[in-house]
C-alpha atoms as a PDB file:
ATOM      1  CA  MET A   1      11.223   3.438  -7.865  1.00  0.00           C
ATOM      2  CA  SER A   2       8.425   2.089  -9.976  1.00  0.00           C
ATOM      3  CA  LEU A   3       5.291  -0.015  -9.969  1.00  0.00           C
ATOM      4  CA  ASP A   4       7.295  -3.145 -10.588  1.00  0.00           C
ATOM      5  CA  GLU A   5       9.549  -2.389  -7.635  1.00  0.00           C
ATOM      6  CA  LEU A   6       6.524  -1.797  -5.425  1.00  0.00           C
ATOM      7  CA  THR A   7       4.988  -5.108  -6.482  1.00  0.00           C
ATOM      8  CA  ALA A   8       8.291  -6.939  -5.778  1.00  0.00           C
ATOM      9  CA  ALA A   9       8.608  -5.244  -2.370  1.00  0.00           C
ATOM     10  CA  MET A  10       5.007  -6.215  -1.510  1.00  0.00           C
ATOM     11  CA  GLN A  11       5.654  -9.847  -2.465  1.00  0.00           C
ATOM     12  CA  ASP A  12       8.893  -9.959  -0.415  1.00  0.00           C
ATOM     13  CA  THR A  13       7.133  -8.496   2.624  1.00  0.00           C
ATOM     14  CA  TYR A  14       4.157 -10.800   2.261  1.00  0.00           C
ATOM     15  CA  SER A  15       6.286 -13.928   1.931  1.00  0.00           C
ATOM     16  CA  GLY A  16       8.166 -12.853   5.054  1.00  0.00           C
ATOM     17  CA  TYR A  17       5.105 -13.258   7.277  1.00  0.00           C
ATOM     18  CA  ASP A  18       4.806 -16.562   9.024  1.00  0.00           C
ATOM     19  CA  ASP A  19       1.428 -18.062   9.728  1.00  0.00           C
ATOM     20  CA  ASP A  20       1.903 -16.976  13.308  1.00  0.00           C
ATOM     21  CA  LEU A  21       3.046 -13.422  13.885  1.00  0.00           C
ATOM     22  CA  SER A  22       4.290 -12.688  17.371  1.00  0.00           C
ATOM     23  CA  LEU A  23       3.943  -9.176  18.690  1.00  0.00           C
ATOM     24  CA  SER A  24       5.391  -7.495  21.704  1.00  0.00           C
ATOM     25  CA  LEU A  25       2.970  -5.076  23.290  1.00  0.00           C
ATOM     26  CA  ASP A  26       3.646  -2.157  25.524  1.00  0.00           C
ATOM     27  CA  ARG A  27       1.581  -1.504  28.634  1.00  0.00           C
ATOM     28  CA  GLU A  28      -0.812   0.978  26.978  1.00  0.00           C
ATOM     29  CA  THR A  29      -1.448  -1.291  24.014  1.00  0.00           C
ATOM     30  CA  ARG A  30      -2.094  -4.246  26.301  1.00  0.00           C
ATOM     31  CA  ASN A  31      -4.613  -2.168  28.296  1.00  0.00           C
ATOM     32  CA  GLU A  32      -6.402  -1.012  25.141  1.00  0.00           C
ATOM     33  CA  LEU A  33      -6.460  -4.526  23.710  1.00  0.00           C
ATOM     34  CA  ALA A  34      -7.888  -5.905  26.957  1.00  0.00           C
ATOM     35  CA  LEU A  35     -10.616  -3.305  26.998  1.00  0.00           C
ATOM     36  CA  LEU A  36     -11.496  -3.911  23.350  1.00  0.00           C
ATOM     37  CA  GLU A  37     -11.576  -7.678  23.907  1.00  0.00           C
ATOM     38  CA  THR A  38     -13.741  -7.313  26.986  1.00  0.00           C
ATOM     39  CA  ALA A  39     -16.202  -4.914  25.297  1.00  0.00           C
ATOM     40  CA  LEU A  40     -16.416  -6.502  21.820  1.00  0.00           C
ATOM     41  CA  GLU A  41     -16.074 -10.151  22.884  1.00  0.00           C
ATOM     42  CA  PRO A  42     -14.466 -11.452  19.685  1.00  0.00           C
ATOM     43  CA  GLU A  43     -13.807 -15.174  19.197  1.00  0.00           C
ATOM     44  CA  SER A  44     -10.106 -14.561  19.684  1.00  0.00           C
ATOM     45  CA  THR A  45      -7.642 -11.715  20.148  1.00  0.00           C
ATOM     46  CA  ASP A  46      -6.459 -12.394  16.546  1.00  0.00           C
ATOM     47  CA  GLU A  47      -9.830 -11.180  15.281  1.00  0.00           C
ATOM     48  CA  LEU A  48      -9.284  -7.809  16.957  1.00  0.00           C
ATOM     49  CA  VAL A  49      -5.837  -7.494  15.390  1.00  0.00           C
ATOM     50  CA  ARG A  50      -7.291  -8.281  11.927  1.00  0.00           C
ATOM     51  CA  ARG A  51      -9.990  -5.646  12.436  1.00  0.00           C
ATOM     52  CA  ALA A  52      -7.396  -3.088  13.590  1.00  0.00           C
ATOM     53  CA  ILE A  53      -5.265  -3.680  10.511  1.00  0.00           C
ATOM     54  CA  HIS A  54      -8.297  -3.305   8.216  1.00  0.00           C
ATOM     55  CA  LEU A  55      -9.296  -0.048   9.923  1.00  0.00           C
ATOM     56  CA  LEU A  56      -5.737   1.374   9.764  1.00  0.00           C
ATOM     57  CA  PHE A  57      -5.454   0.407   6.107  1.00  0.00           C
ATOM     58  CA  GLN A  58      -8.865   1.902   5.234  1.00  0.00           C
ATOM     59  CA  SER A  59      -8.130   5.192   7.015  1.00  0.00           C
ATOM     60  CA  THR A  60      -4.681   5.434   5.455  1.00  0.00           C
ATOM     61  CA  VAL A  61      -6.168   5.012   1.960  1.00  0.00           C
ATOM     62  CA  GLU A  62      -9.144   7.349   2.535  1.00  0.00           C
ATOM     63  CA  THR A  63      -7.077  10.185   3.954  1.00  0.00           C
ATOM     64  CA  GLY A  64      -4.548  10.036   1.100  1.00  0.00           C
ATOM     65  CA  ARG A  65      -1.629   9.037   3.317  1.00  0.00           C
ATOM     66  CA  MET A  66      -1.194   5.799   1.356  1.00  0.00           C
ATOM     67  CA  ASP A  67      -0.816   7.754  -1.932  1.00  0.00           C
ATOM     68  CA  PHE A  68       1.616  10.169  -0.265  1.00  0.00           C
ATOM     69  CA  HIS A  69       3.888   7.394   0.957  1.00  0.00           C
ATOM     70  CA  LEU A  70       3.668   5.345  -2.222  1.00  0.00           C
ATOM     71  CA  ARG A  71       4.361   8.429  -4.353  1.00  0.00           C
ATOM     72  CA  SER A  72       7.320   9.353  -2.156  1.00  0.00           C
ATOM     73  CA  GLY A  73       8.826   5.888  -2.111  1.00  0.00           C
ATOM     74  CA  PHE A  74       7.815   4.288  -5.394  1.00  0.00           C
ATOM     75  CA  ASP A  75       6.456   7.164  -7.562  1.00  0.00           C
ATOM     76  CA  VAL A  76       3.046   5.484  -7.952  1.00  0.00           C
ATOM     77  CA  THR A  77      -0.363   5.904  -6.355  1.00  0.00           C
ATOM     78  CA  TYR A  78      -2.534   3.213  -4.773  1.00  0.00           C
ATOM     79  CA  ASP A  79      -4.928   3.338  -7.788  1.00  0.00           C
ATOM     80  CA  GLU A  80      -1.979   2.766 -10.081  1.00  0.00           C
ATOM     81  CA  TYR A  81      -0.882  -0.172  -7.944  1.00  0.00           C
ATOM     82  CA  LEU A  82      -4.397  -1.685  -8.068  1.00  0.00           C
ATOM     83  CA  SER A  83      -4.679  -1.286 -11.864  1.00  0.00           C
ATOM     84  CA  GLY A  84      -1.131  -2.477 -12.475  1.00  0.00           C
ATOM     85  CA  MET A  85      -0.477   0.508 -14.721  1.00  0.00           C
ATOM     86  CA  THR A  86       0.870   3.957 -14.101  1.00  0.00           C
ATOM     87  CA  PHE A  87      -1.174   7.032 -15.089  1.00  0.00           C
ATOM     88  CA  ASP A  88       1.126   7.588 -18.039  1.00  0.00           C
ATOM     89  CA  ASP A  89       0.581   3.999 -19.190  1.00  0.00           C
ATOM     90  CA  MET A  90      -3.205   4.484 -18.909  1.00  0.00           C
ATOM     91  CA  THR A  91      -3.251   7.674 -20.980  1.00  0.00           C
ATOM     92  CA  GLY A  92      -0.765   6.512 -23.526  1.00  0.00           C
ATOM     93  CA  ALA A  93       1.854   9.142 -22.638  1.00  0.00           C
ATOM     94  CA  ASN A  94       4.562   6.494 -22.637  1.00  0.00           C
ATOM     95  CA  SER A  95       3.684   5.324 -26.156  1.00  0.00           C
ATOM     96  CA  TYR A  96       4.570   8.467 -28.092  1.00  0.00           C
ATOM     97  CA  PRO A  97       7.793   8.320 -30.078  1.00  0.00           C
ATOM     98  CA  SER A  98      10.544  10.690 -29.031  1.00  0.00           C
ATOM     99  CA  LEU A  99      10.930  13.857 -31.041  1.00  0.00           C
ATOM    100  CA  ASP A 100      13.811  14.189 -33.442  1.00  0.00           C
ATOM    101  CA  GLU A 101      14.689  17.871 -33.145  1.00  0.00           C
ATOM    102  CA  GLU A 102      16.654  17.914 -36.413  1.00  0.00           C
ATOM    103  CA  ARG A 103      13.800  16.504 -38.468  1.00  0.00           C
ATOM    104  CA  ARG A 104      10.958  18.006 -36.452  1.00  0.00           C
ATOM    105  CA  TYR A 105       9.421  20.135 -39.194  1.00  0.00           C
ATOM    106  CA  ARG A 106      10.209  17.979 -42.236  1.00  0.00           C
ATOM    107  CA  PHE A 107       7.359  16.117 -43.835  1.00  0.00           C
END
């Protein structure tokens, strides 16, 4: 997989979200959500879900798990995704011509 395939997969996933996401919660998650809502008193439960997604995303990036999964699935890192270029593109490694072994030492 490549950076282009990652970008396409991201766009497909993003467009698949409706404005209203419905979630089914198990008993433990409902209990934790109720406690968080009671303690933090957000304007709505949706605000807690947004915060939770931000925290999960941040911890996944900071611990390197995002890079691990992106490298495994798409052969890119999060930094490469953000820049829109792979490391080889950034360093120019992809711009060298291929070597012609027969004419390698001819001038």
